[in-house]
Amino acid sequence: MITISEGAQAHFAKLLEKQDAGTNIRVFVVNPGTSTAECGVSYCPPSAVEPGDITLPFNGFDAVVDAESAPFLEEAEIDYVTDQMGSQLTLKAPNAKARKVDSDAPLVDRVSYVIESEVNPQLASHGGKVVLLEITEDGLAILQFGGGCNGCSMVDVTLKEGIEKQLLDQFPGELTGVRDATEHEAGEHSYY
C-alpha cells in the first residue's frame, strides 16, 4: 500500500525516539477522493489507534492508516531527500484525489479516474477543472468545464489538443472523441 524509503524510515525512527513509548506514525488523507484531498503524516500514540485502522510494519515503527484513507493511499510513496538546499520529507499519493480503478472497470469509471488524477491537476494551475458528464453510445466523452476554464478563450485548444489527445491515447478503440457541453461565458473567473 505505502512505500517508505530507507531514508524516510530512518528519519521517522529518529523522530519517534523522542516520543512516548509505543508511538508510531499515522498516514492519512483529508477529503479523500475529492479535488481538495490532502495527505499528511502525524504522530500516532497507542491511544489514538482505532479498531478499523490498518497497521503496516516498518523498520523500528509502524505506519497506521485509517480504513477510509487506505484505498486512496494505494501506491503512495514517502521519501526523505537531502540535497544542497537541505532535507525534505515528501509524500506522493497519486490516488488521493481519485480512487484507483481496475483496468476492467466500466469505461466511464476509468475515464473519470484519468480526468481526476491526470487532467484536472494540469487545469488547476489555471483555476480550472473538467468533469465527465457521460460517454455516448458512439464513444464520445461529453465534458463540462468549470472554474477558470469556463469562458476561457483557449478552451477549444485545451479540449482538442490536450484532453482529447490524452484520452484517445489512453483509451484507443473505446473513445472516438470528446465534446464540450459547457455554455462558456467569459467573465472575471476566466484565465487569459
Protein backbone atom coordinates (compact mmCIF):
# COMPACT_ATOMS: atom_id res chain seq x y z
CA MET A 1 0.00 0.00 0.00
CA ILE A 2 2.59 2.59 1.12
CA THR A 3 6.29 2.50 0.31
CA ILE A 4 8.56 4.30 2.77
CA SER A 5 12.18 4.69 1.65
CA GLU A 6 15.02 3.60 3.94
CA GLY A 7 15.96 7.26 4.44
CA ALA A 8 12.41 8.16 5.48
CA GLN A 9 12.22 5.12 7.78
CA ALA A 10 15.46 6.22 9.50
CA HIS A 11 14.08 9.78 9.78
CA PHE A 12 10.82 8.58 11.35
CA ALA A 13 12.65 6.22 13.73
CA LYS A 14 14.85 9.11 14.92
CA LEU A 15 11.83 11.38 15.47
CA LEU A 16 9.92 8.64 17.29
CA GLU A 17 12.81 8.07 19.75
CA LYS A 18 11.84 11.42 21.30
CA GLN A 19 8.16 10.45 21.72
CA ASP A 20 6.43 8.34 24.34
CA ALA A 21 6.99 4.58 24.10
CA GLY A 22 4.69 2.87 21.58
CA THR A 23 4.14 5.99 19.48
CA ASN A 24 4.08 5.30 15.75
CA ILE A 25 3.15 7.40 12.70
CA ARG A 26 -0.24 7.86 11.12
CA VAL A 27 -0.55 8.39 7.35
CA PHE A 28 -3.87 9.86 6.27
CA VAL A 29 -5.83 11.64 3.57
CA VAL A 30 -8.17 14.54 4.39
CA ASN A 31 -11.13 14.77 1.95
CA PRO A 32 -10.08 11.57 0.13
CA GLY A 33 -11.38 11.12 -3.40
CA THR A 34 -12.02 14.82 -3.95
CA SER A 35 -10.12 17.57 -5.74
CA THR A 36 -9.27 19.06 -2.33
CA ALA A 37 -7.65 15.88 -0.97
CA GLU A 38 -4.56 16.46 1.16
CA CYS A 39 -2.18 13.83 2.51
CA GLY A 40 -0.42 14.00 5.83
CA VAL A 41 1.72 12.23 8.39
CA SER A 42 1.42 12.70 12.15
CA TYR A 43 2.42 11.02 15.38
CA CYS A 44 0.09 8.23 16.47
CA PRO A 45 0.23 7.32 20.17
CA PRO A 46 -1.22 3.92 21.11
CA SER A 47 -4.38 5.57 22.47
CA ALA A 48 -5.13 7.05 19.01
CA VAL A 49 -5.29 3.69 17.20
CA GLU A 50 -8.89 2.92 16.20
CA PRO A 51 -10.37 -0.59 15.79
CA GLY A 52 -10.65 -0.32 11.97
CA ASP A 53 -7.13 1.02 11.45
CA ILE A 54 -4.58 -0.84 9.31
CA THR A 55 -1.10 -1.25 10.77
CA LEU A 56 1.86 -1.54 8.40
CA PRO A 57 5.17 -2.65 9.97
CA PHE A 58 8.38 -0.82 9.06
CA ASN A 59 11.92 -0.71 10.44
CA GLY A 60 11.53 0.41 14.08
CA PHE A 61 7.94 1.66 13.88
CA ASP A 62 4.51 1.02 12.40
CA ALA A 63 2.54 3.19 9.99
CA VAL A 64 -1.13 3.37 10.97
CA VAL A 65 -3.73 4.09 8.27
CA ASP A 66 -7.45 4.63 8.81
CA ALA A 67 -9.80 2.47 6.73
CA GLU A 68 -11.25 5.46 4.84
CA SER A 69 -7.81 6.69 3.69
CA ALA A 70 -6.43 3.25 2.81
CA PRO A 71 -7.75 2.89 -0.77
CA PHE A 72 -6.57 6.41 -1.59
CA LEU A 73 -3.04 5.63 -0.36
CA GLU A 74 -2.51 2.76 -2.81
CA GLU A 75 0.90 3.25 -4.48
CA ALA A 76 1.77 6.09 -2.07
CA GLU A 77 5.47 6.78 -1.50
CA ILE A 78 7.17 8.58 1.36
CA ASP A 79 10.79 9.63 0.91
CA TYR A 80 13.33 11.72 2.79
CA VAL A 81 15.53 13.67 0.41
CA THR A 82 18.68 15.59 1.31
CA ASP A 83 20.34 17.94 -1.18
CA GLN A 84 22.24 21.24 -1.13
CA MET A 85 19.02 23.04 -0.17
CA GLY A 86 18.52 20.90 2.95
CA SER A 87 16.32 17.94 3.84
CA GLN A 88 12.71 17.37 2.97
CA LEU A 89 10.12 14.69 3.63
CA THR A 90 7.98 14.02 0.55
CA LEU A 91 4.70 12.14 0.34
CA LYS A 92 3.38 11.25 -3.10
CA ALA A 93 -0.09 9.71 -3.26
CA PRO A 94 -1.24 9.50 -6.89
CA ASN A 95 -4.63 8.10 -5.92
CA ALA A 96 -5.54 10.56 -3.14
CA LYS A 97 -7.87 12.68 -5.27
CA ALA A 98 -9.46 9.77 -7.11
CA ARG A 99 -9.65 6.17 -6.04
CA LYS A 100 -7.71 3.96 -8.44
CA VAL A 101 -9.95 1.80 -10.62
CA ASP A 102 -9.22 -1.62 -12.06
CA SER A 103 -8.38 -1.98 -15.75
CA ASP A 104 -11.61 -3.96 -16.23
CA ALA A 105 -13.82 -1.31 -14.58
CA PRO A 106 -16.53 0.32 -16.71
CA LEU A 107 -15.19 2.85 -19.24
CA VAL A 108 -16.93 5.77 -17.54
CA ASP A 109 -15.10 4.97 -14.26
CA ARG A 110 -11.72 4.62 -15.97
CA VAL A 111 -12.14 7.89 -17.91
CA SER A 112 -13.31 9.73 -14.77
CA TYR A 113 -10.24 8.45 -12.92
CA VAL A 114 -7.87 9.76 -15.63
CA ILE A 115 -9.65 13.12 -15.60
CA GLU A 116 -9.38 13.44 -11.80
CA SER A 117 -5.83 12.11 -11.45
CA GLU A 118 -4.14 13.47 -14.60
CA VAL A 119 -6.20 16.12 -16.43
CA ASN A 120 -7.56 18.21 -13.55
CA PRO A 121 -4.20 18.68 -11.82
CA GLN A 122 -2.95 20.26 -15.06
CA LEU A 123 -6.02 22.51 -15.36
CA ALA A 124 -5.81 23.51 -11.70
CA SER A 125 -2.81 25.74 -12.42
CA HIS A 126 -5.24 27.97 -14.34
CA GLY A 127 -8.00 27.62 -11.78
CA GLY A 128 -9.95 25.23 -13.99
CA LYS A 129 -11.36 21.74 -13.92
CA VAL A 130 -13.38 19.41 -16.09
CA VAL A 131 -15.93 16.70 -15.29
CA LEU A 132 -17.17 13.80 -17.38
CA LEU A 133 -20.93 14.06 -17.91
CA GLU A 134 -21.39 10.92 -19.99
CA ILE A 135 -19.96 8.67 -22.66
CA THR A 136 -22.29 8.33 -25.64
CA GLU A 137 -23.03 5.05 -27.41
CA ASP A 138 -20.69 6.07 -30.23
CA GLY A 139 -17.79 6.65 -27.80
CA LEU A 140 -17.85 10.43 -27.36
CA ALA A 141 -16.81 11.67 -23.92
CA ILE A 142 -19.05 14.63 -23.07
CA LEU A 143 -17.19 17.00 -20.75
CA GLN A 144 -18.12 20.11 -18.81
CA PHE A 145 -15.53 22.73 -17.94
CA GLY A 146 -15.64 24.76 -14.75
CA GLY A 147 -13.64 27.33 -12.82
CA GLY A 148 -11.18 29.35 -14.88
CA CYS A 149 -11.83 27.18 -17.95
CA ASN A 150 -15.41 28.41 -18.22
CA GLY A 151 -15.26 31.26 -20.72
CA CYS A 152 -11.54 30.94 -21.38
CA SER A 153 -10.55 31.83 -24.94
CA MET A 154 -8.21 28.81 -25.09
CA VAL A 155 -10.79 26.17 -24.08
CA ASP A 156 -11.06 24.73 -27.62
CA VAL A 157 -7.29 24.23 -27.80
CA THR A 158 -7.26 22.67 -24.34
CA LEU A 159 -10.09 20.35 -25.33
CA LYS A 160 -8.79 19.18 -28.72
CA GLU A 161 -5.00 19.43 -28.40
CA GLY A 162 -4.76 18.44 -24.75
CA ILE A 163 -7.60 16.46 -23.24
CA GLU A 164 -8.85 14.72 -26.40
CA LYS A 165 -5.37 13.57 -27.44
CA GLN A 166 -4.62 12.31 -23.94
CA LEU A 167 -7.90 10.39 -23.59
CA LEU A 168 -7.77 8.91 -27.11
CA ASP A 169 -4.19 7.73 -26.45
CA GLN A 170 -5.22 6.08 -23.19
CA PHE A 171 -8.48 4.57 -24.45
CA PRO A 172 -7.86 3.54 -28.08
CA GLY A 173 -10.81 1.77 -29.65
CA GLU A 174 -13.06 2.75 -26.73
CA LEU A 175 -13.33 6.53 -27.15
CA THR A 176 -13.88 8.24 -30.50
CA GLY A 177 -13.55 11.85 -29.34
CA VAL A 178 -14.53 14.45 -26.77
CA ARG A 179 -17.16 17.18 -26.84
CA ASP A 180 -17.66 20.22 -24.65
CA ALA A 181 -21.15 20.64 -23.18
CA THR A 182 -20.25 23.85 -21.31
CA GLU A 183 -22.07 27.08 -22.08
CA HIS A 184 -18.99 29.31 -21.94
CA GLU A 185 -19.44 32.83 -20.70
CA ALA A 186 -16.35 34.98 -20.38
CA GLY A 187 -16.01 36.67 -17.04
CA GLU A 188 -13.69 37.65 -14.23
CA HIS A 189 -13.20 33.99 -13.29
CA SER A 190 -11.68 33.10 -16.69
CA TYR A 191 -7.93 32.74 -17.12
CA TYR A 192 -6.45 34.65 -20.07
